[in-house]
């Protein structure tokens, strides 16, 4: 699949939402059970690091960053979200997006990226590992999805160029 990565815009919201809903439907991507409104999504994500992967002009995947805390000491720590449409999975688009997201994060002084991934989502954990994320630990019974307690694997990637001094 040939694709280009560029900035995600508000005009992309309906397709972003559709891909997010695909991820929700898998039961392996998030604790969320419905996609938020654009306004809520926009408020919950950093203004930079919002990326779209497009194939033939159609949005096939997206990535974004969320702050992990409002505290100043954690200003350089962000949580990663990468969602790939079902039709585009397994074609390298997720890796390209995550690599571009890392560059964007570092360009904006983010020194640590983290992920919270269901342990059953082996593809996501492999992707993160291939991009330099390490497993920090397993958070047992951290949240409930459809009435069932779920664990997450906490991963992180420390920058080699930001926050090193």
N, C-alpha and C. Protein backbone atom coordinates (compact mmCIF):
# COMPACT_ATOMS: atom_id res chain seq x y z
N UNK A 1 0.85 -1.18 0.00
CA UNK A 1 0.00 0.00 0.00
C UNK A 1 0.90 1.24 0.00
N UNK A 2 0.64 2.13 -0.91
CA UNK A 2 1.36 3.41 -0.95
C UNK A 2 0.55 4.41 -0.16
N UNK A 3 1.25 5.20 0.65
CA UNK A 3 0.57 6.18 1.48
C UNK A 3 1.49 7.35 1.76
N UNK A 4 0.89 8.45 2.15
CA UNK A 4 1.62 9.64 2.59
C UNK A 4 1.15 9.97 4.00
N UNK A 5 2.06 10.53 4.77
CA UNK A 5 1.73 10.96 6.12
C UNK A 5 1.76 12.48 6.13
N UNK A 6 0.66 13.04 6.64
CA UNK A 6 0.58 14.49 6.77
C UNK A 6 -0.21 14.83 8.02
N UNK A 7 -0.54 16.10 8.16
CA UNK A 7 -1.23 16.56 9.36
C UNK A 7 -2.70 16.15 9.35
N UNK A 8 -3.17 15.74 10.50
CA UNK A 8 -4.58 15.47 10.71
C UNK A 8 -5.29 16.80 10.92
N UNK A 9 -6.44 16.97 10.30
CA UNK A 9 -7.17 18.24 10.42
C UNK A 9 -8.59 17.97 10.91
N UNK A 10 -9.28 18.99 11.38
CA UNK A 10 -10.67 18.80 11.79
C UNK A 10 -11.54 18.22 10.67
N UNK A 11 -11.21 18.52 9.43
CA UNK A 11 -11.98 17.99 8.30
C UNK A 11 -11.87 16.46 8.20
N UNK A 12 -10.86 15.87 8.84
CA UNK A 12 -10.68 14.43 8.83
C UNK A 12 -11.52 13.71 9.88
N UNK A 13 -12.22 14.47 10.72
CA UNK A 13 -12.84 13.87 11.90
C UNK A 13 -13.74 12.68 11.60
N UNK A 14 -14.59 12.74 10.63
CA UNK A 14 -15.52 11.62 10.39
C UNK A 14 -14.77 10.33 10.08
N UNK A 15 -13.70 10.42 9.30
CA UNK A 15 -12.92 9.22 8.99
C UNK A 15 -12.11 8.78 10.21
N UNK A 16 -11.55 9.73 10.97
CA UNK A 16 -10.84 9.40 12.21
C UNK A 16 -11.79 8.66 13.14
N UNK A 17 -12.99 9.18 13.27
CA UNK A 17 -13.99 8.57 14.15
C UNK A 17 -14.33 7.15 13.68
N UNK A 18 -14.49 6.96 12.39
CA UNK A 18 -14.82 5.64 11.85
C UNK A 18 -13.71 4.63 12.13
N UNK A 19 -12.46 5.04 11.96
CA UNK A 19 -11.34 4.14 12.24
C UNK A 19 -11.26 3.85 13.74
N UNK A 20 -11.51 4.87 14.55
CA UNK A 20 -11.53 4.67 16.00
C UNK A 20 -12.61 3.66 16.39
N UNK A 21 -13.78 3.79 15.80
CA UNK A 21 -14.87 2.85 16.09
C UNK A 21 -14.50 1.43 15.66
N UNK A 22 -13.76 1.28 14.56
CA UNK A 22 -13.27 -0.04 14.16
C UNK A 22 -12.38 -0.62 15.26
N UNK A 23 -11.50 0.21 15.79
CA UNK A 23 -10.62 -0.23 16.86
C UNK A 23 -11.40 -0.62 18.11
N UNK A 24 -12.38 0.19 18.47
CA UNK A 24 -13.23 -0.11 19.63
C UNK A 24 -13.91 -1.46 19.44
N UNK A 25 -14.41 -1.72 18.24
CA UNK A 25 -15.15 -2.95 17.95
C UNK A 25 -14.30 -4.21 18.13
N UNK A 26 -12.97 -4.09 18.02
CA UNK A 26 -12.12 -5.26 18.19
C UNK A 26 -12.08 -5.72 19.65
N UNK A 27 -12.37 -4.82 20.58
CA UNK A 27 -12.27 -5.14 21.99
C UNK A 27 -10.84 -5.25 22.48
N UNK A 28 -9.88 -4.90 21.64
CA UNK A 28 -8.46 -5.02 22.00
C UNK A 28 -7.69 -3.71 21.90
N UNK A 29 -8.38 -2.61 21.64
CA UNK A 29 -7.66 -1.37 21.38
C UNK A 29 -7.79 -0.32 22.49
N UNK A 30 -8.90 -0.33 23.22
CA UNK A 30 -9.15 0.74 24.17
C UNK A 30 -10.23 0.33 25.15
N UNK A 31 -10.26 0.99 26.29
CA UNK A 31 -11.35 0.80 27.24
C UNK A 31 -12.60 1.57 26.81
N UNK A 32 -12.45 2.50 25.90
CA UNK A 32 -13.59 3.30 25.45
C UNK A 32 -14.60 2.39 24.74
N UNK A 33 -15.86 2.77 24.83
CA UNK A 33 -16.91 1.99 24.17
C UNK A 33 -17.61 2.79 23.07
N UNK A 34 -17.26 4.04 22.93
CA UNK A 34 -17.80 4.87 21.86
C UNK A 34 -16.81 5.98 21.55
N UNK A 35 -16.86 6.48 20.35
CA UNK A 35 -15.99 7.58 19.96
C UNK A 35 -16.55 8.89 20.51
N UNK A 36 -15.68 9.78 20.93
CA UNK A 36 -16.14 11.07 21.45
C UNK A 36 -16.56 12.00 20.31
N UNK A 37 -17.04 13.16 20.68
CA UNK A 37 -17.27 14.22 19.70
C UNK A 37 -15.93 14.78 19.27
N UNK A 38 -15.91 15.51 18.18
CA UNK A 38 -14.67 16.17 17.75
C UNK A 38 -14.15 17.07 18.87
N UNK A 39 -15.05 17.83 19.48
CA UNK A 39 -14.63 18.78 20.51
C UNK A 39 -13.95 18.08 21.68
N UNK A 40 -14.51 16.96 22.12
CA UNK A 40 -13.90 16.21 23.23
C UNK A 40 -12.57 15.59 22.80
N UNK A 41 -12.51 15.03 21.59
CA UNK A 41 -11.27 14.44 21.10
C UNK A 41 -10.20 15.52 20.99
N UNK A 42 -10.56 16.65 20.42
CA UNK A 42 -9.62 17.76 20.24
C UNK A 42 -9.07 18.24 21.58
N UNK A 43 -9.94 18.38 22.57
CA UNK A 43 -9.52 18.84 23.90
C UNK A 43 -8.63 17.82 24.60
N UNK A 44 -8.78 16.55 24.28
CA UNK A 44 -8.03 15.51 24.95
C UNK A 44 -6.69 15.17 24.32
N UNK A 45 -6.33 15.83 23.22
CA UNK A 45 -5.08 15.54 22.53
C UNK A 45 -4.23 16.80 22.39
N UNK A 46 -2.94 16.60 22.39
CA UNK A 46 -2.02 17.73 22.22
C UNK A 46 -2.21 18.35 20.84
N UNK A 47 -1.90 19.63 20.69
CA UNK A 47 -2.12 20.28 19.39
C UNK A 47 -1.12 19.87 18.31
N UNK A 48 -0.04 19.23 18.69
CA UNK A 48 0.96 18.73 17.73
C UNK A 48 0.92 17.21 17.75
N UNK A 49 1.60 16.61 16.79
CA UNK A 49 1.64 15.15 16.74
C UNK A 49 0.32 14.52 16.36
N UNK A 50 -0.47 15.22 15.59
CA UNK A 50 -1.72 14.68 15.06
C UNK A 50 -1.47 14.35 13.60
N UNK A 51 -1.34 13.07 13.33
CA UNK A 51 -0.90 12.66 11.99
C UNK A 51 -1.93 11.78 11.31
N UNK A 52 -1.97 11.90 9.99
CA UNK A 52 -2.85 11.08 9.16
C UNK A 52 -2.02 10.35 8.13
N UNK A 53 -2.36 9.11 7.88
CA UNK A 53 -1.76 8.35 6.78
C UNK A 53 -2.85 8.19 5.73
N UNK A 54 -2.55 8.63 4.51
CA UNK A 54 -3.54 8.62 3.44
C UNK A 54 -3.05 7.75 2.29
N UNK A 55 -3.97 6.97 1.77
CA UNK A 55 -3.72 6.16 0.59
C UNK A 55 -4.74 6.56 -0.46
N UNK A 56 -4.25 6.99 -1.62
CA UNK A 56 -5.13 7.47 -2.69
C UNK A 56 -6.08 8.55 -2.18
N UNK A 57 -5.57 9.42 -1.32
CA UNK A 57 -6.36 10.53 -0.80
C UNK A 57 -7.31 10.17 0.33
N UNK A 58 -7.44 8.88 0.64
CA UNK A 58 -8.35 8.41 1.69
C UNK A 58 -7.57 8.19 2.98
N UNK A 59 -8.08 8.70 4.10
CA UNK A 59 -7.44 8.51 5.39
C UNK A 59 -7.53 7.03 5.78
N UNK A 60 -6.38 6.39 5.95
CA UNK A 60 -6.32 4.95 6.25
C UNK A 60 -5.91 4.69 7.69
N UNK A 61 -5.29 5.67 8.34
CA UNK A 61 -4.83 5.51 9.71
C UNK A 61 -4.53 6.87 10.30
N UNK A 62 -4.49 6.91 11.63
CA UNK A 62 -4.16 8.17 12.30
C UNK A 62 -3.39 7.90 13.58
N UNK A 63 -2.70 8.92 14.05
CA UNK A 63 -1.96 8.85 15.30
C UNK A 63 -2.06 10.20 16.00
N UNK A 64 -2.02 10.17 17.32
CA UNK A 64 -2.10 11.41 18.08
C UNK A 64 -1.45 11.21 19.45
N UNK A 65 -1.17 12.32 20.11
CA UNK A 65 -0.56 12.32 21.44
C UNK A 65 -1.50 12.95 22.45
N UNK A 66 -1.48 12.41 23.67
CA UNK A 66 -2.24 12.99 24.78
C UNK A 66 -1.27 13.26 25.92
N UNK A 67 -1.49 14.35 26.63
CA UNK A 67 -0.68 14.62 27.82
C UNK A 67 -1.03 13.60 28.89
N UNK A 68 -0.04 13.17 29.66
CA UNK A 68 -0.31 12.23 30.74
C UNK A 68 -0.63 12.95 32.04
N UNK A 69 -0.28 14.22 32.12
CA UNK A 69 -0.51 14.99 33.34
C UNK A 69 -0.48 16.47 33.02
N UNK A 70 -1.14 17.26 33.84
CA UNK A 70 -1.06 18.73 33.72
C UNK A 70 0.11 19.31 34.50
N UNK A 71 0.74 18.48 35.32
CA UNK A 71 1.86 18.95 36.13
C UNK A 71 3.05 19.29 35.25
N UNK A 72 3.71 20.40 35.55
CA UNK A 72 4.83 20.89 34.74
C UNK A 72 5.96 19.86 34.64
N UNK A 73 6.19 19.11 35.70
CA UNK A 73 7.31 18.15 35.69
C UNK A 73 7.10 17.04 34.66
N UNK A 74 5.86 16.82 34.22
CA UNK A 74 5.56 15.80 33.22
C UNK A 74 5.24 16.40 31.86
N UNK A 75 5.64 17.62 31.63
CA UNK A 75 5.32 18.29 30.36
C UNK A 75 5.92 17.58 29.15
N UNK A 76 6.95 16.81 29.36
CA UNK A 76 7.60 16.10 28.26
C UNK A 76 7.22 14.64 28.16
N UNK A 77 6.08 14.28 28.74
CA UNK A 77 5.62 12.89 28.70
C UNK A 77 4.25 12.86 28.04
N UNK A 78 4.10 12.00 27.05
CA UNK A 78 2.84 11.92 26.32
C UNK A 78 2.47 10.47 26.05
N UNK A 79 1.17 10.22 25.97
CA UNK A 79 0.66 8.89 25.63
C UNK A 79 0.36 8.84 24.13
N UNK A 80 0.68 7.72 23.54
CA UNK A 80 0.56 7.51 22.10
C UNK A 80 -0.74 6.79 21.77
N UNK A 81 -1.40 7.24 20.71
CA UNK A 81 -2.53 6.52 20.11
C UNK A 81 -2.23 6.34 18.63
N UNK A 82 -2.35 5.11 18.15
CA UNK A 82 -2.21 4.81 16.73
C UNK A 82 -3.36 3.88 16.35
N UNK A 83 -4.14 4.28 15.37
CA UNK A 83 -5.28 3.48 14.90
C UNK A 83 -5.19 3.31 13.40
N UNK A 84 -5.26 2.08 12.95
CA UNK A 84 -5.16 1.75 11.53
C UNK A 84 -6.47 1.07 11.12
N UNK A 85 -7.02 1.50 10.00
CA UNK A 85 -8.26 0.88 9.52
C UNK A 85 -8.03 -0.59 9.25
N UNK A 86 -9.08 -1.37 9.35
CA UNK A 86 -8.97 -2.81 9.12
C UNK A 86 -8.38 -3.14 7.76
N UNK A 87 -8.75 -2.40 6.73
CA UNK A 87 -8.28 -2.66 5.38
C UNK A 87 -6.79 -2.36 5.20
N UNK A 88 -6.22 -1.52 6.08
CA UNK A 88 -4.83 -1.11 5.93
C UNK A 88 -3.88 -1.81 6.89
N UNK A 89 -4.38 -2.65 7.77
CA UNK A 89 -3.53 -3.32 8.76
C UNK A 89 -2.56 -4.29 8.10
N UNK A 90 -1.38 -4.41 8.73
CA UNK A 90 -0.38 -5.36 8.28
C UNK A 90 0.41 -4.93 7.06
N UNK A 91 0.36 -3.64 6.73
CA UNK A 91 1.04 -3.16 5.53
C UNK A 91 2.12 -2.11 5.83
N UNK A 92 2.50 -1.99 7.11
CA UNK A 92 3.57 -1.07 7.47
C UNK A 92 3.12 0.35 7.78
N UNK A 93 1.85 0.61 7.65
CA UNK A 93 1.36 1.97 7.86
C UNK A 93 1.43 2.38 9.33
N UNK A 94 1.17 1.44 10.24
CA UNK A 94 1.25 1.74 11.67
C UNK A 94 2.67 2.09 12.08
N UNK A 95 3.63 1.34 11.57
CA UNK A 95 5.03 1.61 11.90
C UNK A 95 5.45 2.99 11.37
N UNK A 96 5.09 3.28 10.14
CA UNK A 96 5.45 4.58 9.56
C UNK A 96 4.83 5.72 10.36
N UNK A 97 3.59 5.54 10.78
CA UNK A 97 2.94 6.57 11.60
C UNK A 97 3.63 6.72 12.94
N UNK A 98 3.94 5.61 13.61
CA UNK A 98 4.58 5.69 14.91
C UNK A 98 5.97 6.32 14.80
N UNK A 99 6.71 5.99 13.77
CA UNK A 99 8.02 6.61 13.57
C UNK A 99 7.89 8.11 13.35
N UNK A 100 6.91 8.53 12.56
CA UNK A 100 6.67 9.97 12.34
C UNK A 100 6.21 10.65 13.62
N UNK A 101 5.42 9.96 14.41
CA UNK A 101 4.93 10.51 15.67
C UNK A 101 6.09 10.72 16.64
N UNK A 102 7.03 9.81 16.66
CA UNK A 102 8.22 9.95 17.52
C UNK A 102 8.99 11.21 17.13
N UNK A 103 9.20 11.42 15.85
CA UNK A 103 9.91 12.61 15.39
C UNK A 103 9.15 13.88 15.79
N UNK A 104 7.85 13.90 15.56
CA UNK A 104 7.04 15.06 15.93
C UNK A 104 7.12 15.32 17.43
N UNK A 105 7.01 14.26 18.22
CA UNK A 105 7.07 14.41 19.68
C UNK A 105 8.40 15.03 20.10
N UNK A 106 9.49 14.51 19.57
CA UNK A 106 10.80 15.04 19.94
C UNK A 106 10.97 16.47 19.46
N UNK A 107 10.45 16.79 18.29
CA UNK A 107 10.51 18.17 17.80
C UNK A 107 9.77 19.14 18.72
N UNK A 108 8.83 18.60 19.51
CA UNK A 108 8.05 19.42 20.44
C UNK A 108 8.44 19.16 21.90
N UNK A 109 9.68 18.70 22.10
CA UNK A 109 10.28 18.56 23.44
C UNK A 109 9.65 17.49 24.31
N UNK A 110 9.11 16.45 23.70
CA UNK A 110 8.60 15.31 24.45
C UNK A 110 9.75 14.33 24.64
N UNK A 111 10.07 14.00 25.88
CA UNK A 111 11.19 13.10 26.15
C UNK A 111 10.76 11.66 26.44
N UNK A 112 9.51 11.46 26.79
CA UNK A 112 9.04 10.09 27.02
C UNK A 112 7.67 9.90 26.38
N UNK A 113 7.57 8.83 25.61
CA UNK A 113 6.28 8.41 25.06
C UNK A 113 5.87 7.15 25.80
N UNK A 114 4.59 7.03 26.08
CA UNK A 114 4.13 5.81 26.74
C UNK A 114 2.90 5.26 26.05
N UNK A 115 2.72 3.96 26.25
CA UNK A 115 1.56 3.28 25.72
C UNK A 115 0.95 2.41 26.80
N UNK A 116 -0.35 2.26 26.74
CA UNK A 116 -1.07 1.34 27.62
C UNK A 116 -1.84 0.39 26.71
N UNK A 117 -1.39 -0.84 26.63
CA UNK A 117 -1.88 -1.78 25.61
C UNK A 117 -2.40 -3.05 26.27
N UNK A 118 -3.55 -3.53 25.80
CA UNK A 118 -4.03 -4.82 26.30
C UNK A 118 -2.99 -5.88 25.95
N UNK A 119 -2.68 -6.78 26.89
CA UNK A 119 -1.65 -7.80 26.61
C UNK A 119 -2.00 -8.71 25.43
N UNK A 120 -3.27 -8.85 25.12
CA UNK A 120 -3.70 -9.68 23.99
C UNK A 120 -3.43 -9.02 22.64
N UNK A 121 -3.14 -7.73 22.64
CA UNK A 121 -2.89 -6.99 21.40
C UNK A 121 -1.42 -7.14 21.02
N UNK A 122 -1.05 -8.35 20.64
CA UNK A 122 0.34 -8.67 20.35
C UNK A 122 0.91 -7.84 19.20
N UNK A 123 0.10 -7.53 18.20
CA UNK A 123 0.59 -6.75 17.05
C UNK A 123 1.02 -5.36 17.51
N UNK A 124 0.24 -4.73 18.37
CA UNK A 124 0.59 -3.40 18.86
C UNK A 124 1.86 -3.45 19.72
N UNK A 125 1.97 -4.45 20.55
CA UNK A 125 3.17 -4.58 21.39
C UNK A 125 4.41 -4.83 20.54
N UNK A 126 4.28 -5.62 19.47
CA UNK A 126 5.42 -5.84 18.56
C UNK A 126 5.80 -4.54 17.87
N UNK A 127 4.79 -3.80 17.42
CA UNK A 127 5.05 -2.52 16.76
C UNK A 127 5.80 -1.58 17.69
N UNK A 128 5.33 -1.45 18.91
CA UNK A 128 6.00 -0.56 19.86
C UNK A 128 7.44 -0.99 20.09
N UNK A 129 7.65 -2.29 20.30
CA UNK A 129 9.01 -2.80 20.53
C UNK A 129 9.91 -2.49 19.34
N UNK A 130 9.38 -2.60 18.13
CA UNK A 130 10.19 -2.34 16.93
C UNK A 130 10.57 -0.87 16.80
N UNK A 131 9.85 -0.01 17.51
CA UNK A 131 10.14 1.43 17.48
C UNK A 131 10.82 1.91 18.76
N UNK A 132 11.38 0.99 19.52
CA UNK A 132 12.19 1.37 20.68
C UNK A 132 11.46 1.48 22.01
N UNK A 133 10.20 1.05 22.07
CA UNK A 133 9.48 1.05 23.34
C UNK A 133 9.91 -0.18 24.14
N UNK A 134 9.94 -0.04 25.45
CA UNK A 134 10.23 -1.17 26.33
C UNK A 134 9.04 -1.39 27.25
N UNK A 135 8.88 -2.59 27.71
CA UNK A 135 7.82 -2.89 28.66
C UNK A 135 8.28 -2.46 30.04
N UNK A 136 7.48 -1.62 30.67
CA UNK A 136 7.76 -1.16 32.03
C UNK A 136 7.13 -2.13 33.02
N UNK A 137 5.93 -2.60 32.71
CA UNK A 137 5.26 -3.53 33.60
C UNK A 137 3.84 -3.80 33.13
N UNK A 138 3.18 -4.60 33.91
CA UNK A 138 1.79 -4.96 33.63
C UNK A 138 0.93 -4.37 34.73
N UNK A 139 -0.09 -3.65 34.31
CA UNK A 139 -1.04 -3.06 35.28
C UNK A 139 -2.24 -4.00 35.35
N UNK A 140 -2.32 -4.72 36.44
CA UNK A 140 -3.35 -5.74 36.59
C UNK A 140 -4.69 -5.13 36.98
N UNK A 141 -5.72 -5.63 36.28
CA UNK A 141 -7.10 -5.20 36.59
C UNK A 141 -7.19 -3.68 36.70
N UNK A 142 -6.63 -2.99 35.75
CA UNK A 142 -6.56 -1.52 35.79
C UNK A 142 -7.89 -0.87 35.39
N UNK A 143 -8.69 -1.58 34.62
CA UNK A 143 -9.98 -1.04 34.20
C UNK A 143 -10.91 -2.15 33.75
N UNK A 144 -12.18 -1.77 33.60
CA UNK A 144 -13.18 -2.76 33.17
C UNK A 144 -13.68 -2.41 31.78
N UNK A 145 -13.87 -3.44 30.99
CA UNK A 145 -14.44 -3.31 29.66
C UNK A 145 -15.53 -4.36 29.55
N UNK A 146 -16.73 -3.93 29.26
CA UNK A 146 -17.89 -4.83 29.17
C UNK A 146 -18.04 -5.67 30.44
N UNK A 147 -17.77 -5.04 31.58
CA UNK A 147 -17.92 -5.71 32.86
C UNK A 147 -16.80 -6.64 33.25
N UNK A 148 -15.76 -6.72 32.43
CA UNK A 148 -14.64 -7.63 32.68
C UNK A 148 -13.39 -6.81 33.00
N UNK A 149 -12.73 -7.16 34.11
CA UNK A 149 -11.47 -6.51 34.46
C UNK A 149 -10.42 -6.86 33.42
N UNK A 150 -9.67 -5.84 32.99
CA UNK A 150 -8.62 -6.05 31.99
C UNK A 150 -7.30 -5.50 32.51
N UNK A 151 -6.22 -6.15 32.09
CA UNK A 151 -4.87 -5.67 32.37
C UNK A 151 -4.41 -4.82 31.18
N UNK A 152 -3.40 -4.01 31.42
CA UNK A 152 -2.69 -3.36 30.33
C UNK A 152 -1.20 -3.52 30.55
N UNK A 153 -0.47 -3.50 29.45
CA UNK A 153 0.98 -3.51 29.49
C UNK A 153 1.42 -2.05 29.30
N UNK A 154 2.17 -1.55 30.27
CA UNK A 154 2.68 -0.18 30.20
C UNK A 154 4.03 -0.20 29.49
N UNK A 155 4.12 0.55 28.41
CA UNK A 155 5.37 0.64 27.65
C UNK A 155 5.83 2.09 27.63
N UNK A 156 7.12 2.27 27.39
CA UNK A 156 7.64 3.63 27.24
C UNK A 156 8.82 3.64 26.30
N UNK A 157 9.03 4.81 25.73
CA UNK A 157 10.18 5.06 24.88
C UNK A 157 10.80 6.38 25.31
N UNK A 158 12.04 6.32 25.75
CA UNK A 158 12.76 7.53 26.13
C UNK A 158 13.50 8.05 24.91
N UNK A 159 13.45 9.35 24.72
CA UNK A 159 14.14 9.98 23.61
C UNK A 159 15.65 9.93 23.84
N UNK A 160 16.37 9.79 22.74
CA UNK A 160 17.83 9.86 22.78
C UNK A 160 18.33 11.26 22.50
N UNK A 161 17.41 12.19 22.19
CA UNK A 161 17.84 13.54 21.87
C UNK A 161 17.13 14.65 22.66
N UNK A 162 16.06 14.32 23.37
CA UNK A 162 15.34 15.31 24.18
C UNK A 162 15.36 14.85 25.63
N UNK A 163 15.64 15.79 26.54
CA UNK A 163 15.60 15.47 27.96
C UNK A 163 16.76 14.59 28.42
N UNK A 164 17.89 14.73 27.76
CA UNK A 164 19.04 13.87 28.11
C UNK A 164 20.07 14.59 28.96
N UNK A 165 19.90 15.88 29.16
CA UNK A 165 20.87 16.60 30.00
C UNK A 165 20.20 17.13 31.25
